[in-house]
């Protein structure tokens, strides 16, 4: 499991199962966080220069849902965005 390293995401009482390894990202390194790459892709491909009637609301939520469904229906595209070399090396894929 990859942890983003934020101080509030830690616990001294956490018991990690034997079949799991924890990999911590360095602090302040969003470029290493796979979710940041997904967020950037969605922002650039689906929300660039776009306005929604009535501000933030149902239209924005519907548009975001469509963007996320596009990722859900194209797992290879998602894999290409989040398969960072350091993750592959850590997992020995």
PDB file of N, CA and C in Angstrom:
ATOM      1  N   UNK A   1       0.851  -1.157   0.000  1.00  0.00           N
ATOM      2  CA  UNK A   1       0.000   0.000   0.000  1.00  0.00           C
ATOM      3  C   UNK A   1       0.902   1.226   0.000  1.00  0.00           C
ATOM      4  N   UNK A   2       0.543   2.179  -0.830  1.00  0.00           N
ATOM      5  CA  UNK A   2       1.320   3.405  -0.925  1.00  0.00           C
ATOM      6  C   UNK A   2       0.672   4.470  -0.056  1.00  0.00           C
ATOM      7  N   UNK A   3       1.478   5.082   0.795  1.00  0.00           N
ATOM      8  CA  UNK A   3       0.985   6.144   1.676  1.00  0.00           C
ATOM      9  C   UNK A   3       1.605   7.453   1.218  1.00  0.00           C
ATOM     10  N   UNK A   4       0.827   8.523   1.284  1.00  0.00           N
ATOM     11  CA  UNK A   4       1.329   9.792   0.770  1.00  0.00           C
ATOM     12  C   UNK A   4       2.263  10.522   1.721  1.00  0.00           C
ATOM     13  N   UNK A   5       2.469  10.049   2.916  1.00  0.00           N
ATOM     14  CA  UNK A   5       3.438  10.637   3.819  1.00  0.00           C
ATOM     15  C   UNK A   5       2.940  11.831   4.616  1.00  0.00           C
ATOM     16  N   UNK A   6       1.685  12.211   4.465  1.00  0.00           N
ATOM     17  CA  UNK A   6       1.147  13.327   5.250  1.00  0.00           C
ATOM     18  C   UNK A   6       1.170  12.951   6.726  1.00  0.00           C
ATOM     19  N   UNK A   7       1.566  13.893   7.570  1.00  0.00           N
ATOM     20  CA  UNK A   7       1.690  13.626   8.999  1.00  0.00           C
ATOM     21  C   UNK A   7       0.411  13.139   9.643  1.00  0.00           C
ATOM     22  N   UNK A   8      -0.717  13.609   9.169  1.00  0.00           N
ATOM     23  CA  UNK A   8      -1.991  13.210   9.770  1.00  0.00           C
ATOM     24  C   UNK A   8      -2.478  11.858   9.251  1.00  0.00           C
ATOM     25  N   UNK A   9      -1.706  11.232   8.362  1.00  0.00           N
ATOM     26  CA  UNK A   9      -2.056   9.907   7.862  1.00  0.00           C
ATOM     27  C   UNK A   9      -1.207   8.824   8.534  1.00  0.00           C
ATOM     28  N   UNK A  10      -0.725   9.096   9.712  1.00  0.00           N
ATOM     29  CA  UNK A  10       0.108   8.107  10.392  1.00  0.00           C
ATOM     30  C   UNK A  10      -0.523   7.711  11.725  1.00  0.00           C
ATOM     31  N   UNK A  11      -0.095   6.556  12.200  1.00  0.00           N
ATOM     32  CA  UNK A  11      -0.632   6.052  13.464  1.00  0.00           C
ATOM     33  C   UNK A  11       0.416   5.150  14.105  1.00  0.00           C
ATOM     34  N   UNK A  12       0.599   5.304  15.379  1.00  0.00           N
ATOM     35  CA  UNK A  12       1.540   4.437  16.094  1.00  0.00           C
ATOM     36  C   UNK A  12       0.885   3.107  16.463  1.00  0.00           C
ATOM     37  N   UNK A  13      -0.427   3.011  16.296  1.00  0.00           N
ATOM     38  CA  UNK A  13      -1.136   1.786  16.669  1.00  0.00           C
ATOM     39  C   UNK A  13      -1.497   0.908  15.468  1.00  0.00           C
ATOM     40  N   UNK A  14      -1.107   1.320  14.282  1.00  0.00           N
ATOM     41  CA  UNK A  14      -1.430   0.558  13.080  1.00  0.00           C
ATOM     42  C   UNK A  14      -0.679  -0.759  13.074  1.00  0.00           C
ATOM     43  N   UNK A  15      -1.400  -1.834  12.846  1.00  0.00           N
ATOM     44  CA  UNK A  15      -0.788  -3.145  12.714  1.00  0.00           C
ATOM     45  C   UNK A  15      -0.909  -3.569  11.253  1.00  0.00           C
ATOM     46  N   UNK A  16       0.231  -3.626  10.585  1.00  0.00           N
ATOM     47  CA  UNK A  16       0.265  -3.959   9.163  1.00  0.00           C
ATOM     48  C   UNK A  16       0.210  -5.475   9.013  1.00  0.00           C
ATOM     49  N   UNK A  17      -0.738  -5.982   8.219  1.00  0.00           N
ATOM     50  CA  UNK A  17      -0.811  -7.437   7.998  1.00  0.00           C
ATOM     51  C   UNK A  17       0.479  -7.972   7.367  1.00  0.00           C
ATOM     52  N   UNK A  18       0.769  -9.217   7.611  1.00  0.00           N
ATOM     53  CA  UNK A  18       2.001  -9.832   7.119  1.00  0.00           C
ATOM     54  C   UNK A  18       2.088  -9.845   5.600  1.00  0.00           C
ATOM     55  N   UNK A  19       0.939  -9.862   4.925  1.00  0.00           N
ATOM     56  CA  UNK A  19       0.947  -9.931   3.464  1.00  0.00           C
ATOM     57  C   UNK A  19       0.901  -8.542   2.813  1.00  0.00           C
ATOM     58  N   UNK A  20       1.231  -7.505   3.561  1.00  0.00           N
ATOM     59  CA  UNK A  20       1.165  -6.144   3.032  1.00  0.00           C
ATOM     60  C   UNK A  20       2.447  -5.393   3.371  1.00  0.00           C
ATOM     61  N   UNK A  21       2.913  -4.599   2.412  1.00  0.00           N
ATOM     62  CA  UNK A  21       4.047  -3.703   2.654  1.00  0.00           C
ATOM     63  C   UNK A  21       3.562  -2.273   2.518  1.00  0.00           C
ATOM     64  N   UNK A  22       4.091  -1.391   3.346  1.00  0.00           N
ATOM     65  CA  UNK A  22       3.758   0.019   3.253  1.00  0.00           C
ATOM     66  C   UNK A  22       4.919   0.752   2.591  1.00  0.00           C
ATOM     67  N   UNK A  23       4.608   1.528   1.551  1.00  0.00           N
ATOM     68  CA  UNK A  23       5.596   2.367   0.888  1.00  0.00           C
ATOM     69  C   UNK A  23       5.180   3.811   1.124  1.00  0.00           C
ATOM     70  N   UNK A  24       6.074   4.592   1.723  1.00  0.00           N
ATOM     71  CA  UNK A  24       5.755   5.988   2.021  1.00  0.00           C
ATOM     72  C   UNK A  24       6.363   6.896   0.969  1.00  0.00           C
ATOM     73  N   UNK A  25       5.550   7.800   0.463  1.00  0.00           N
ATOM     74  CA  UNK A  25       6.047   8.828  -0.441  1.00  0.00           C
ATOM     75  C   UNK A  25       6.745   9.903   0.389  1.00  0.00           C
ATOM     76  N   UNK A  26       7.737  10.569  -0.187  1.00  0.00           N
ATOM     77  CA  UNK A  26       8.335  11.673   0.553  1.00  0.00           C
ATOM     78  C   UNK A  26       7.336  12.816   0.687  1.00  0.00           C
ATOM     79  N   UNK A  27       7.489  13.646   1.728  1.00  0.00           N
ATOM     80  CA  UNK A  27       6.556  14.768   1.884  1.00  0.00           C
ATOM     81  C   UNK A  27       6.695  15.762   0.732  1.00  0.00           C
ATOM     82  N   UNK A  28       5.615  16.388   0.393  1.00  0.00           N
ATOM     83  CA  UNK A  28       5.578  17.429  -0.637  1.00  0.00           C
ATOM     84  C   UNK A  28       6.088  16.926  -1.981  1.00  0.00           C
ATOM     85  N   UNK A  29       5.636  15.755  -2.406  1.00  0.00           N
ATOM     86  CA  UNK A  29       6.044  15.197  -3.689  1.00  0.00           C
ATOM     87  C   UNK A  29       4.820  14.743  -4.474  1.00  0.00           C
ATOM     88  N   UNK A  30       3.918  15.678  -4.841  1.00  0.00           N
ATOM     89  CA  UNK A  30       2.702  15.262  -5.547  1.00  0.00           C
ATOM     90  C   UNK A  30       2.980  14.589  -6.880  1.00  0.00           C
ATOM     91  N   UNK A  31       4.145  14.874  -7.496  1.00  0.00           N
ATOM     92  CA  UNK A  31       4.452  14.238  -8.774  1.00  0.00           C
ATOM     93  C   UNK A  31       4.661  12.739  -8.642  1.00  0.00           C
ATOM     94  N   UNK A  32       4.892  12.265  -7.425  1.00  0.00           N
ATOM     95  CA  UNK A  32       5.066  10.830  -7.193  1.00  0.00           C
ATOM     96  C   UNK A  32       3.767  10.128  -6.835  1.00  0.00           C
ATOM     97  N   UNK A  33       2.719  10.879  -6.580  1.00  0.00           N
ATOM     98  CA  UNK A  33       1.448  10.306  -6.163  1.00  0.00           C
ATOM     99  C   UNK A  33       0.605   9.998  -7.405  1.00  0.00           C
ATOM    100  N   UNK A  34       0.316   8.729  -7.664  1.00  0.00           N
ATOM    101  CA  UNK A  34      -0.427   8.362  -8.875  1.00  0.00           C
ATOM    102  C   UNK A  34      -1.772   9.078  -9.010  1.00  0.00           C
ATOM    103  N   UNK A  35      -2.443   9.336  -7.914  1.00  0.00           N
ATOM    104  CA  UNK A  35      -3.747   9.998  -7.974  1.00  0.00           C
ATOM    105  C   UNK A  35      -3.615  11.414  -8.516  1.00  0.00           C
ATOM    106  N   UNK A  36      -2.509  12.069  -8.237  1.00  0.00           N
ATOM    107  CA  UNK A  36      -2.287  13.416  -8.776  1.00  0.00           C
ATOM    108  C   UNK A  36      -2.233  13.392 -10.298  1.00  0.00           C
ATOM    109  N   UNK A  37      -1.670  12.335 -10.873  1.00  0.00           N
ATOM    110  CA  UNK A  37      -1.611  12.211 -12.331  1.00  0.00           C
ATOM    111  C   UNK A  37      -3.010  12.021 -12.912  1.00  0.00           C
ATOM    112  N   UNK A  38      -3.835  11.256 -12.225  1.00  0.00           N
ATOM    113  CA  UNK A  38      -5.223  11.071 -12.672  1.00  0.00           C
ATOM    114  C   UNK A  38      -5.969  12.395 -12.591  1.00  0.00           C
ATOM    115  N   UNK A  39      -5.790  13.111 -11.480  1.00  0.00           N
ATOM    116  CA  UNK A  39      -6.444  14.412 -11.314  1.00  0.00           C
ATOM    117  C   UNK A  39      -6.020  15.381 -12.422  1.00  0.00           C
ATOM    118  N   UNK A  40      -4.733  15.406 -12.735  1.00  0.00           N
ATOM    119  CA  UNK A  40      -4.258  16.287 -13.807  1.00  0.00           C
ATOM    120  C   UNK A  40      -4.848  15.896 -15.159  1.00  0.00           C
ATOM    121  N   UNK A  41      -4.924  14.607 -15.422  1.00  0.00           N
ATOM    122  CA  UNK A  41      -5.502  14.138 -16.688  1.00  0.00           C
ATOM    123  C   UNK A  41      -6.962  14.561 -16.811  1.00  0.00           C
ATOM    124  N   UNK A  42      -7.714  14.396 -15.749  1.00  0.00           N
ATOM    125  CA  UNK A  42      -9.127  14.794 -15.758  1.00  0.00           C
ATOM    126  C   UNK A  42      -9.251  16.298 -15.942  1.00  0.00           C
ATOM    127  N   UNK A  43      -8.432  17.040 -15.216  1.00  0.00           N
ATOM    128  CA  UNK A  43      -8.482  18.507 -15.310  1.00  0.00           C
ATOM    129  C   UNK A  43      -8.148  18.978 -16.725  1.00  0.00           C
ATOM    130  N   UNK A  44      -7.096  18.405 -17.323  1.00  0.00           N
ATOM    131  CA  UNK A  44      -6.658  18.837 -18.646  1.00  0.00           C
ATOM    132  C   UNK A  44      -7.586  18.374 -19.762  1.00  0.00           C
ATOM    133  N   UNK A  45      -8.096  17.158 -19.660  1.00  0.00           N
ATOM    134  CA  UNK A  45      -8.885  16.598 -20.758  1.00  0.00           C
ATOM    135  C   UNK A  45     -10.381  16.903 -20.661  1.00  0.00           C
ATOM    136  N   UNK A  46     -10.890  17.099 -19.459  1.00  0.00           N
ATOM    137  CA  UNK A  46     -12.332  17.235 -19.295  1.00  0.00           C
ATOM    138  C   UNK A  46     -12.794  18.592 -18.756  1.00  0.00           C
ATOM    139  N   UNK A  47     -11.886  19.344 -18.124  1.00  0.00           N
ATOM    140  CA  UNK A  47     -12.329  20.587 -17.483  1.00  0.00           C
ATOM    141  C   UNK A  47     -11.601  21.837 -17.970  1.00  0.00           C
ATOM    142  N   UNK A  48     -10.668  21.689 -18.883  1.00  0.00           N
ATOM    143  CA  UNK A  48      -9.903  22.835 -19.362  1.00  0.00           C
ATOM    144  C   UNK A  48     -10.814  23.826 -20.081  1.00  0.00           C
ATOM    145  N   UNK A  49     -10.780  25.085 -19.668  1.00  0.00           N
ATOM    146  CA  UNK A  49     -11.561  26.165 -20.279  1.00  0.00           C
ATOM    147  C   UNK A  49     -13.047  25.848 -20.347  1.00  0.00           C
ATOM    148  N   UNK A  50     -13.575  25.296 -19.314  1.00  0.00           N
ATOM    149  CA  UNK A  50     -14.987  24.908 -19.300  1.00  0.00           C
ATOM    150  C   UNK A  50     -15.707  25.623 -18.163  1.00  0.00           C
ATOM    151  N   UNK A  51     -16.882  26.117 -18.458  1.00  0.00           N
ATOM    152  CA  UNK A  51     -17.724  26.751 -17.438  1.00  0.00           C
ATOM    153  C   UNK A  51     -19.022  25.977 -17.338  1.00  0.00           C
ATOM    154  N   UNK A  52     -19.636  26.030 -16.169  1.00  0.00           N
ATOM    155  CA  UNK A  52     -20.885  25.317 -15.938  1.00  0.00           C
ATOM    156  C   UNK A  52     -21.953  26.317 -15.529  1.00  0.00           C
ATOM    157  N   UNK A  53     -23.128  26.142 -16.074  1.00  0.00           N
ATOM    158  CA  UNK A  53     -24.236  27.027 -15.718  1.00  0.00           C
ATOM    159  C   UNK A  53     -24.550  26.889 -14.241  1.00  0.00           C
ATOM    160  N   UNK A  54     -24.723  28.021 -13.593  1.00  0.00           N
ATOM    161  CA  UNK A  54     -25.110  28.000 -12.182  1.00  0.00           C
ATOM    162  C   UNK A  54     -23.965  27.709 -11.241  1.00  0.00           C
ATOM    163  N   UNK A  55     -22.725  27.765 -11.723  1.00  0.00           N
ATOM    164  CA  UNK A  55     -21.581  27.533 -10.843  1.00  0.00           C
ATOM    165  C   UNK A  55     -21.401  26.064 -10.529  1.00  0.00           C
ATOM    166  N   UNK A  56     -20.892  25.809  -9.351  1.00  0.00           N
ATOM    167  CA  UNK A  56     -20.633  24.439  -8.928  1.00  0.00           C
ATOM    168  C   UNK A  56     -21.949  23.798  -8.524  1.00  0.00           C
ATOM    169  N   UNK A  57     -22.246  22.668  -9.098  1.00  0.00           N
ATOM    170  CA  UNK A  57     -23.494  21.992  -8.784  1.00  0.00           C
ATOM    171  C   UNK A  57     -23.646  20.729  -9.583  1.00  0.00           C
ATOM    172  N   UNK A  58     -24.858  20.440  -9.941  1.00  0.00           N
ATOM    173  CA  UNK A  58     -25.177  19.176 -10.608  1.00  0.00           C
ATOM    174  C   UNK A  58     -24.454  19.024 -11.945  1.00  0.00           C
ATOM    175  N   UNK A  59     -24.349  20.096 -12.721  1.00  0.00           N
ATOM    176  CA  UNK A  59     -23.705  20.003 -14.029  1.00  0.00           C
ATOM    177  C   UNK A  59     -22.233  19.613 -13.884  1.00  0.00           C
ATOM    178  N   UNK A  60     -21.552  20.217 -12.930  1.00  0.00           N
ATOM    179  CA  UNK A  60     -20.149  19.888 -12.691  1.00  0.00           C
ATOM    180  C   UNK A  60     -20.019  18.446 -12.215  1.00  0.00           C
ATOM    181  N   UNK A  61     -20.882  18.048 -11.300  1.00  0.00           N
ATOM    182  CA  UNK A  61     -20.845  16.681 -10.784  1.00  0.00           C
ATOM    183  C   UNK A  61     -21.114  15.666 -11.897  1.00  0.00           C
ATOM    184  N   UNK A  62     -22.057  15.946 -12.764  1.00  0.00           N
ATOM    185  CA  UNK A  62     -22.347  15.047 -13.887  1.00  0.00           C
ATOM    186  C   UNK A  62     -21.156  14.941 -14.828  1.00  0.00           C
ATOM    187  N   UNK A  63     -20.497  16.069 -15.063  1.00  0.00           N
ATOM    188  CA  UNK A  63     -19.338  16.074 -15.960  1.00  0.00           C
ATOM    189  C   UNK A  63     -18.182  15.273 -15.354  1.00  0.00           C
ATOM    190  N   UNK A  64     -17.959  15.434 -14.055  1.00  0.00           N
ATOM    191  CA  UNK A  64     -16.918  14.670 -13.377  1.00  0.00           C
ATOM    192  C   UNK A  64     -17.242  13.178 -13.414  1.00  0.00           C
ATOM    193  N   UNK A  65     -18.493  12.844 -13.207  1.00  0.00           N
ATOM    194  CA  UNK A  65     -18.890  11.429 -13.261  1.00  0.00           C
ATOM    195  C   UNK A  65     -18.614  10.842 -14.642  1.00  0.00           C
ATOM    196  N   UNK A  66     -18.902  11.595 -15.687  1.00  0.00           N
ATOM    197  CA  UNK A  66     -18.627  11.122 -17.053  1.00  0.00           C
ATOM    198  C   UNK A  66     -17.129  10.916 -17.262  1.00  0.00           C
ATOM    199  N   UNK A  67     -16.322  11.830 -16.738  1.00  0.00           N
ATOM    200  CA  UNK A  67     -14.867  11.696 -16.864  1.00  0.00           C
ATOM    201  C   UNK A  67     -14.373  10.447 -16.143  1.00  0.00           C
ATOM    202  N   UNK A  68     -14.869  10.210 -14.945  1.00  0.00           N
ATOM    203  CA  UNK A  68     -14.457   9.030 -14.186  1.00  0.00           C
ATOM    204  C   UNK A  68     -14.932   7.741 -14.844  1.00  0.00           C
ATOM    205  N   UNK A  69     -16.110   7.785 -15.450  1.00  0.00           N
ATOM    206  CA  UNK A  69     -16.612   6.589 -16.169  1.00  0.00           C
ATOM    207  C   UNK A  69     -15.744   6.295 -17.392  1.00  0.00           C
ATOM    208  N   UNK A  70     -15.236   7.348 -18.030  1.00  0.00           N
ATOM    209  CA  UNK A  70     -14.335   7.142 -19.171  1.00  0.00           C
ATOM    210  C   UNK A  70     -13.086   6.384 -18.718  1.00  0.00           C
ATOM    211  N   UNK A  71     -12.558   6.724 -17.545  1.00  0.00           N
ATOM    212  CA  UNK A  71     -11.420   5.982 -17.000  1.00  0.00           C
ATOM    213  C   UNK A  71     -11.817   4.557 -16.639  1.00  0.00           C
ATOM    214  N   UNK A  72     -12.975   4.396 -16.061  1.00  0.00           N
ATOM    215  CA  UNK A  72     -13.445   3.067 -15.672  1.00  0.00           C
ATOM    216  C   UNK A  72     -13.578   2.153 -16.891  1.00  0.00           C
ATOM    217  N   UNK A  73     -13.994   2.726 -18.010  1.00  0.00           N
ATOM    218  CA  UNK A  73     -14.194   1.940 -19.224  1.00  0.00           C
ATOM    219  C   UNK A  73     -12.923   1.777 -20.049  1.00  0.00           C
ATOM    220  N   UNK A  74     -11.819   2.368 -19.615  1.00  0.00           N
ATOM    221  CA  UNK A  74     -10.554   2.262 -20.331  1.00  0.00           C
ATOM    222  C   UNK A  74      -9.424   1.989 -19.331  1.00  0.00           C
ATOM    223  N   UNK A  75      -9.397   0.785 -18.746  1.00  0.00           N
ATOM    224  CA  UNK A  75      -8.401   0.497 -17.708  1.00  0.00           C
ATOM    225  C   UNK A  75      -6.961   0.594 -18.208  1.00  0.00           C
ATOM    226  N   UNK A  76      -6.737   0.331 -19.478  1.00  0.00           N
ATOM    227  CA  UNK A  76      -5.373   0.422 -20.010  1.00  0.00           C
ATOM    228  C   UNK A  76      -4.872   1.866 -19.981  1.00  0.00           C
ATOM    229  N   UNK A  77      -5.750   2.798 -20.288  1.00  0.00           N
ATOM    230  CA  UNK A  77      -5.395   4.226 -20.224  1.00  0.00           C
ATOM    231  C   UNK A  77      -5.059   4.622 -18.785  1.00  0.00           C
ATOM    232  N   UNK A  78      -5.879   4.195 -17.847  1.00  0.00           N
ATOM    233  CA  UNK A  78      -5.628   4.494 -16.446  1.00  0.00           C
ATOM    234  C   UNK A  78      -4.309   3.872 -16.001  1.00  0.00           C
ATOM    235  N   UNK A  79      -4.077   2.644 -16.391  1.00  0.00           N
ATOM    236  CA  UNK A  79      -2.840   1.948 -16.034  1.00  0.00           C
ATOM    237  C   UNK A  79      -1.624   2.709 -16.569  1.00  0.00           C
ATOM    238  N   UNK A  80      -1.730   3.237 -17.782  1.00  0.00           N
ATOM    239  CA  UNK A  80      -0.600   3.956 -18.368  1.00  0.00           C
ATOM    240  C   UNK A  80      -0.302   5.253 -17.610  1.00  0.00           C
ATOM    241  N   UNK A  81      -1.305   5.818 -16.977  1.00  0.00           N
ATOM    242  CA  UNK A  81      -1.122   7.069 -16.235  1.00  0.00           C
ATOM    243  C   UNK A  81      -0.545   6.812 -14.843  1.00  0.00           C
ATOM    244  N   UNK A  82      -0.988   5.765 -14.178  1.00  0.00           N
ATOM    245  CA  UNK A  82      -0.586   5.539 -12.788  1.00  0.00           C
ATOM    246  C   UNK A  82       0.564   4.558 -12.623  1.00  0.00           C
ATOM    247  N   UNK A  83       0.980   3.879 -13.676  1.00  0.00           N
ATOM    248  CA  UNK A  83       2.078   2.914 -13.564  1.00  0.00           C
ATOM    249  C   UNK A  83       3.412   3.657 -13.638  1.00  0.00           C
ATOM    250  N   UNK A  84       3.766   4.296 -12.553  1.00  0.00           N
ATOM    251  CA  UNK A  84       5.010   5.052 -12.488  1.00  0.00           C
ATOM    252  C   UNK A  84       6.172   4.082 -12.308  1.00  0.00           C
ATOM    253  N   UNK A  85       7.329   4.394 -12.888  1.00  0.00           N
ATOM    254  CA  UNK A  85       8.471   3.461 -12.814  1.00  0.00           C
ATOM    255  C   UNK A  85       8.843   3.066 -11.386  1.00  0.00           C
ATOM    256  N   UNK A  86       8.783   4.001 -10.447  1.00  0.00           N
ATOM    257  CA  UNK A  86       9.189   3.661  -9.084  1.00  0.00           C
ATOM    258  C   UNK A  86       8.213   2.679  -8.445  1.00  0.00           C
ATOM    259  N   UNK A  87       6.935   2.722  -8.869  1.00  0.00           N
ATOM    260  CA  UNK A  87       5.964   1.765  -8.347  1.00  0.00           C
ATOM    261  C   UNK A  87       6.241   0.379  -8.924  1.00  0.00           C
ATOM    262  N   UNK A  88       6.499   0.320 -10.218  1.00  0.00           N
ATOM    263  CA  UNK A  88       6.807  -0.965 -10.849  1.00  0.00           C
ATOM    264  C   UNK A  88       8.032  -1.596 -10.202  1.00  0.00           C
ATOM    265  N   UNK A  89       9.072  -0.779  -9.955  1.00  0.00           N
ATOM    266  CA  UNK A  89      10.288  -1.306  -9.336  1.00  0.00           C
ATOM    267  C   UNK A  89      10.040  -1.773  -7.917  1.00  0.00           C
ATOM    268  N   UNK A  90       9.243  -1.041  -7.159  1.00  0.00           N
ATOM    269  CA  UNK A  90       8.950  -1.416  -5.778  1.00  0.00           C
ATOM    270  C   UNK A  90       8.168  -2.725  -5.717  1.00  0.00           C
ATOM    271  N   UNK A  91       7.320  -2.942  -6.705  1.00  0.00           N
ATOM    272  CA  UNK A  91       6.493  -4.132  -6.737  1.00  0.00           C
ATOM    273  C   UNK A  91       7.117  -5.244  -7.573  1.00  0.00           C
ATOM    274  N   UNK A  92       8.224  -4.928  -8.225  1.00  0.00           N
ATOM    275  CA  UNK A  92       8.940  -5.854  -9.105  1.00  0.00           C
ATOM    276  C   UNK A  92       8.040  -6.418 -10.177  1.00  0.00           C
ATOM    277  N   UNK A  93       7.332  -5.503 -10.864  1.00  0.00           N
ATOM    278  CA  UNK A  93       6.429  -5.906 -11.946  1.00  0.00           C
ATOM    279  C   UNK A  93       7.206  -5.900 -13.246  1.00  0.00           C
TER     280      UNK A  93
END
